[in-house]
Amino acid sequence: MSTPEPEPWRDPERYKTGKLTSCHGCGNSCRKTHWGAWCYGCNVERIERINKTFADLMK
C-alpha cells in the first residue's frame, strides 16, 4: 500500500512564483506563492485555521 500524497500546501517547493516578497503572516522575506505572499510555515497555519473554521461550520 502506498502512502497518501500530502496536502499541496505542505510542500514548500510547490506553487512558488519566484518573486521575493514579505510574508503576510510573520513579515519575513519569502517567495510569493500562487495563493499569495505567505511563507511555508504561515501558509500551513493559515490553511489549518481555514479547515478548522469550515469543520466547525459543518457541525
PDB file of N, CA and C in Angstrom:
ATOM      1  N   MET A   1       0.846  -1.173   0.000  1.00  0.00           N
ATOM      2  CA  MET A   1       0.000   0.000   0.000  1.00  0.00           C
ATOM      3  C   MET A   1       0.897   1.243   0.000  1.00  0.00           C
ATOM      4  N   SER A   2       0.626   2.173  -0.876  1.00  0.00           N
ATOM      5  CA  SER A   2       1.438   3.391  -0.933  1.00  0.00           C
ATOM      6  C   SER A   2       0.929   4.421   0.073  1.00  0.00           C
ATOM      7  N   THR A   3       1.821   5.308   0.442  1.00  0.00           N
ATOM      8  CA  THR A   3       1.431   6.358   1.386  1.00  0.00           C
ATOM      9  C   THR A   3       0.645   7.427   0.643  1.00  0.00           C
ATOM     10  N   PRO A   4      -0.342   8.012   1.295  1.00  0.00           N
ATOM     11  CA  PRO A   4      -1.135   9.044   0.625  1.00  0.00           C
ATOM     12  C   PRO A   4      -0.294  10.287   0.353  1.00  0.00           C
ATOM     13  N   GLU A   5      -0.616  10.973  -0.729  1.00  0.00           N
ATOM     14  CA  GLU A   5       0.101  12.202  -1.075  1.00  0.00           C
ATOM     15  C   GLU A   5      -0.253  13.289  -0.063  1.00  0.00           C
ATOM     16  N   PRO A   6       0.747  14.025   0.427  1.00  0.00           N
ATOM     17  CA  PRO A   6       0.459  15.081   1.416  1.00  0.00           C
ATOM     18  C   PRO A   6      -0.338  16.223   0.792  1.00  0.00           C
ATOM     19  N   GLU A   7      -0.969  17.004   1.637  1.00  0.00           N
ATOM     20  CA  GLU A   7      -1.715  18.150   1.154  1.00  0.00           C
ATOM     21  C   GLU A   7      -0.769  19.075   0.409  1.00  0.00           C
ATOM     22  N   PRO A   8      -1.227  19.697  -0.694  1.00  0.00           N
ATOM     23  CA  PRO A   8      -0.344  20.540  -1.504  1.00  0.00           C
ATOM     24  C   PRO A   8       0.317  21.671  -0.731  1.00  0.00           C
ATOM     25  N   TRP A   9      -0.369  22.260   0.232  1.00  0.00           N
ATOM     26  CA  TRP A   9       0.212  23.393   0.951  1.00  0.00           C
ATOM     27  C   TRP A   9       1.315  22.969   1.913  1.00  0.00           C
ATOM     28  N   ARG A  10       1.476  21.671   2.131  1.00  0.00           N
ATOM     29  CA  ARG A  10       2.556  21.196   2.997  1.00  0.00           C
ATOM     30  C   ARG A  10       3.879  21.039   2.233  1.00  0.00           C
ATOM     31  N   ASP A  11       3.854  21.177   0.920  1.00  0.00           N
ATOM     32  CA  ASP A  11       5.061  21.069   0.100  1.00  0.00           C
ATOM     33  C   ASP A  11       5.603  22.469  -0.167  1.00  0.00           C
ATOM     34  N   PRO A  12       6.738  22.844   0.481  1.00  0.00           N
ATOM     35  CA  PRO A  12       7.230  24.212   0.338  1.00  0.00           C
ATOM     36  C   PRO A  12       7.743  24.548  -1.057  1.00  0.00           C
ATOM     37  N   GLU A  13       8.008  23.553  -1.895  1.00  0.00           N
ATOM     38  CA  GLU A  13       8.539  23.819  -3.233  1.00  0.00           C
ATOM     39  C   GLU A  13       7.447  23.928  -4.295  1.00  0.00           C
ATOM     40  N   ARG A  14       6.215  23.649  -3.941  1.00  0.00           N
ATOM     41  CA  ARG A  14       5.125  23.672  -4.905  1.00  0.00           C
ATOM     42  C   ARG A  14       4.488  25.059  -4.938  1.00  0.00           C
ATOM     43  N   TYR A  15       4.085  25.508  -6.095  1.00  0.00           N
ATOM     44  CA  TYR A  15       3.340  26.756  -6.289  1.00  0.00           C
ATOM     45  C   TYR A  15       4.155  28.031  -6.122  1.00  0.00           C
ATOM     46  N   LYS A  16       5.479  27.962  -6.069  1.00  0.00           N
ATOM     47  CA  LYS A  16       6.267  29.186  -5.942  1.00  0.00           C
ATOM     48  C   LYS A  16       6.305  29.928  -7.274  1.00  0.00           C
ATOM     49  N   THR A  17       6.172  31.242  -7.226  1.00  0.00           N
ATOM     50  CA  THR A  17       6.260  32.051  -8.437  1.00  0.00           C
ATOM     51  C   THR A  17       7.644  32.629  -8.620  1.00  0.00           C
ATOM     52  N   GLY A  18       8.465  32.620  -7.590  1.00  0.00           N
ATOM     53  CA  GLY A  18       9.825  33.106  -7.692  1.00  0.00           C
ATOM     54  C   GLY A  18      10.025  34.539  -7.244  1.00  0.00           C
ATOM     55  N   LYS A  19       8.947  35.293  -7.073  1.00  0.00           N
ATOM     56  CA  LYS A  19       9.080  36.682  -6.652  1.00  0.00           C
ATOM     57  C   LYS A  19       9.330  36.758  -5.152  1.00  0.00           C
ATOM     58  N   LEU A  20      10.329  37.539  -4.762  1.00  0.00           N
ATOM     59  CA  LEU A  20      10.618  37.741  -3.348  1.00  0.00           C
ATOM     60  C   LEU A  20       9.652  38.782  -2.794  1.00  0.00           C
ATOM     61  N   THR A  21       9.095  38.507  -1.644  1.00  0.00           N
ATOM     62  CA  THR A  21       8.124  39.410  -1.040  1.00  0.00           C
ATOM     63  C   THR A  21       8.194  39.285   0.477  1.00  0.00           C
ATOM     64  N   SER A  22       7.348  40.005   1.162  1.00  0.00           N
ATOM     65  CA  SER A  22       7.260  39.937   2.617  1.00  0.00           C
ATOM     66  C   SER A  22       6.031  39.105   2.985  1.00  0.00           C
ATOM     67  N   CYS A  23       6.201  38.134   3.874  1.00  0.00           N
ATOM     68  CA  CYS A  23       5.109  37.248   4.281  1.00  0.00           C
ATOM     69  C   CYS A  23       4.024  38.034   5.012  1.00  0.00           C
ATOM     70  N   HIS A  24       2.753  37.746   4.681  1.00  0.00           N
ATOM     71  CA  HIS A  24       1.622  38.384   5.362  1.00  0.00           C
ATOM     72  C   HIS A  24       1.520  37.949   6.821  1.00  0.00           C
ATOM     73  N   GLY A  25       2.010  36.751   7.133  1.00  0.00           N
ATOM     74  CA  GLY A  25       1.887  36.227   8.489  1.00  0.00           C
ATOM     75  C   GLY A  25       2.962  36.705   9.441  1.00  0.00           C
ATOM     76  N   CYS A  26       4.220  36.446   9.088  1.00  0.00           N
ATOM     77  CA  CYS A  26       5.322  36.744  10.012  1.00  0.00           C
ATOM     78  C   CYS A  26       6.146  37.959   9.608  1.00  0.00           C
ATOM     79  N   GLY A  27       5.989  38.422   8.374  1.00  0.00           N
ATOM     80  CA  GLY A  27       6.723  39.593   7.916  1.00  0.00           C
ATOM     81  C   GLY A  27       8.113  39.308   7.384  1.00  0.00           C
ATOM     82  N   ASN A  28       8.553  38.054   7.455  1.00  0.00           N
ATOM     83  CA  ASN A  28       9.879  37.694   6.941  1.00  0.00           C
ATOM     84  C   ASN A  28       9.868  37.648   5.419  1.00  0.00           C
ATOM     85  N   SER A  29      11.033  37.697   4.828  1.00  0.00           N
ATOM     86  CA  SER A  29      11.174  37.603   3.384  1.00  0.00           C
ATOM     87  C   SER A  29      10.876  36.175   2.941  1.00  0.00           C
ATOM     88  N   CYS A  30      10.090  36.017   1.875  1.00  0.00           N
ATOM     89  CA  CYS A  30       9.754  34.690   1.369  1.00  0.00           C
ATOM     90  C   CYS A  30       9.460  34.777  -0.122  1.00  0.00           C
ATOM     91  N   ARG A  31       9.308  33.625  -0.750  1.00  0.00           N
ATOM     92  CA  ARG A  31       8.926  33.569  -2.159  1.00  0.00           C
ATOM     93  C   ARG A  31       7.410  33.583  -2.252  1.00  0.00           C
ATOM     94  N   LYS A  32       6.881  34.420  -3.125  1.00  0.00           N
ATOM     95  CA  LYS A  32       5.430  34.513  -3.292  1.00  0.00           C
ATOM     96  C   LYS A  32       4.909  33.221  -3.922  1.00  0.00           C
ATOM     97  N   THR A  33       3.782  32.747  -3.430  1.00  0.00           N
ATOM     98  CA  THR A  33       3.140  31.557  -3.976  1.00  0.00           C
ATOM     99  C   THR A  33       1.907  31.980  -4.760  1.00  0.00           C
ATOM    100  N   HIS A  34       1.280  31.039  -5.441  1.00  0.00           N
ATOM    101  CA  HIS A  34       0.107  31.357  -6.255  1.00  0.00           C
ATOM    102  C   HIS A  34      -1.065  31.860  -5.420  1.00  0.00           C
ATOM    103  N   TRP A  35      -1.127  31.492  -4.153  1.00  0.00           N
ATOM    104  CA  TRP A  35      -2.242  31.937  -3.314  1.00  0.00           C
ATOM    105  C   TRP A  35      -1.912  33.164  -2.496  1.00  0.00           C
ATOM    106  N   GLY A  36      -0.755  33.739  -2.689  1.00  0.00           N
ATOM    107  CA  GLY A  36      -0.421  34.981  -2.009  1.00  0.00           C
ATOM    108  C   GLY A  36       0.956  34.960  -1.381  1.00  0.00           C
ATOM    109  N   ALA A  37       1.236  36.023  -0.687  1.00  0.00           N
ATOM    110  CA  ALA A  37       2.560  36.184  -0.064  1.00  0.00           C
ATOM    111  C   ALA A  37       2.564  35.574   1.333  1.00  0.00           C
ATOM    112  N   TRP A  38       2.682  34.259   1.398  1.00  0.00           N
ATOM    113  CA  TRP A  38       2.720  33.529   2.669  1.00  0.00           C
ATOM    114  C   TRP A  38       3.916  32.602   2.648  1.00  0.00           C
ATOM    115  N   CYS A  39       4.753  32.632   3.683  1.00  0.00           N
ATOM    116  CA  CYS A  39       5.844  31.658   3.762  1.00  0.00           C
ATOM    117  C   CYS A  39       5.227  30.286   4.061  1.00  0.00           C
ATOM    118  N   TYR A  40       6.021  29.259   3.907  1.00  0.00           N
ATOM    119  CA  TYR A  40       5.531  27.892   4.070  1.00  0.00           C
ATOM    120  C   TYR A  40       4.856  27.664   5.420  1.00  0.00           C
ATOM    121  N   GLY A  41       5.546  28.009   6.495  1.00  0.00           N
ATOM    122  CA  GLY A  41       5.000  27.774   7.837  1.00  0.00           C
ATOM    123  C   GLY A  41       3.721  28.553   8.093  1.00  0.00           C
ATOM    124  N   CYS A  42       3.694  29.817   7.704  1.00  0.00           N
ATOM    125  CA  CYS A  42       2.496  30.646   7.912  1.00  0.00           C
ATOM    126  C   CYS A  42       1.339  30.155   7.054  1.00  0.00           C
ATOM    127  N   ASN A  43       1.637  29.677   5.841  1.00  0.00           N
ATOM    128  CA  ASN A  43       0.569  29.188   4.983  1.00  0.00           C
ATOM    129  C   ASN A  43      -0.050  27.910   5.540  1.00  0.00           C
ATOM    130  N   VAL A  44       0.780  27.014   6.083  1.00  0.00           N
ATOM    131  CA  VAL A  44       0.248  25.793   6.696  1.00  0.00           C
ATOM    132  C   VAL A  44      -0.673  26.157   7.859  1.00  0.00           C
ATOM    133  N   GLU A  45      -0.241  27.083   8.712  1.00  0.00           N
ATOM    134  CA  GLU A  45      -1.079  27.526   9.833  1.00  0.00           C
ATOM    135  C   GLU A  45      -2.377  28.149   9.334  1.00  0.00           C
ATOM    136  N   ARG A  46      -2.294  28.950   8.276  1.00  0.00           N
ATOM    137  CA  ARG A  46      -3.474  29.622   7.718  1.00  0.00           C
ATOM    138  C   ARG A  46      -4.473  28.603   7.169  1.00  0.00           C
ATOM    139  N   ILE A  47      -3.992  27.640   6.406  1.00  0.00           N
ATOM    140  CA  ILE A  47      -4.873  26.621   5.833  1.00  0.00           C
ATOM    141  C   ILE A  47      -5.511  25.779   6.935  1.00  0.00           C
ATOM    142  N   GLU A  48      -4.750  25.439   7.967  1.00  0.00           N
ATOM    143  CA  GLU A  48      -5.315  24.661   9.072  1.00  0.00           C
ATOM    144  C   GLU A  48      -6.389  25.457   9.813  1.00  0.00           C
ATOM    145  N   ARG A  49      -6.202  26.771   9.967  1.00  0.00           N
ATOM    146  CA  ARG A  49      -7.240  27.621  10.579  1.00  0.00           C
ATOM    147  C   ARG A  49      -8.499  27.637   9.720  1.00  0.00           C
ATOM    148  N   ILE A  50      -8.314  27.755   8.400  1.00  0.00           N
ATOM    149  CA  ILE A  50      -9.457  27.762   7.485  1.00  0.00           C
ATOM    150  C   ILE A  50     -10.189  26.429   7.556  1.00  0.00           C
ATOM    151  N   ASN A  51      -9.447  25.321   7.530  1.00  0.00           N
ATOM    152  CA  ASN A  51     -10.066  23.995   7.614  1.00  0.00           C
ATOM    153  C   ASN A  51     -10.846  23.823   8.911  1.00  0.00           C
ATOM    154  N   LYS A  52     -10.287  24.290  10.031  1.00  0.00           N
ATOM    155  CA  LYS A  52     -10.971  24.181  11.321  1.00  0.00           C
ATOM    156  C   LYS A  52     -12.250  25.007  11.313  1.00  0.00           C
ATOM    157  N   THR A  53     -12.195  26.201  10.727  1.00  0.00           N
ATOM    158  CA  THR A  53     -13.384  27.053  10.654  1.00  0.00           C
ATOM    159  C   THR A  53     -14.488  26.364   9.864  1.00  0.00           C
ATOM    160  N   PHE A  54     -14.143  25.795   8.710  1.00  0.00           N
ATOM    161  CA  PHE A  54     -15.146  25.099   7.907  1.00  0.00           C
ATOM    162  C   PHE A  54     -15.677  23.863   8.627  1.00  0.00           C
ATOM    163  N   ALA A  55     -14.808  23.136   9.323  1.00  0.00           N
ATOM    164  CA  ALA A  55     -15.254  21.958  10.075  1.00  0.00           C
ATOM    165  C   ALA A  55     -16.229  22.369  11.176  1.00  0.00           C
ATOM    166  N   ASP A  56     -15.944  23.484  11.858  1.00  0.00           N
ATOM    167  CA  ASP A  56     -16.848  23.977  12.900  1.00  0.00           C
ATOM    168  C   ASP A  56     -18.184  24.409  12.311  1.00  0.00           C
ATOM    169  N   LEU A  57     -18.163  25.006  11.123  1.00  0.00           N
ATOM    170  CA  LEU A  57     -19.405  25.436  10.475  1.00  0.00           C
ATOM    171  C   LEU A  57     -20.266  24.252  10.052  1.00  0.00           C
ATOM    172  N   MET A  58     -19.624  23.130   9.731  1.00  0.00           N
ATOM    173  CA  MET A  58     -20.362  21.955   9.262  1.00  0.00           C
ATOM    174  C   MET A  58     -20.977  21.147  10.401  1.00  0.00           C
ATOM    175  N   LYS A  59     -20.636  21.471  11.641  1.00  0.00           N
ATOM    176  CA  LYS A  59     -21.191  20.731  12.788  1.00  0.00           C
ATOM    177  C   LYS A  59     -22.643  21.067  12.984  1.00  0.00           C
TER     178      LYS A  59
END
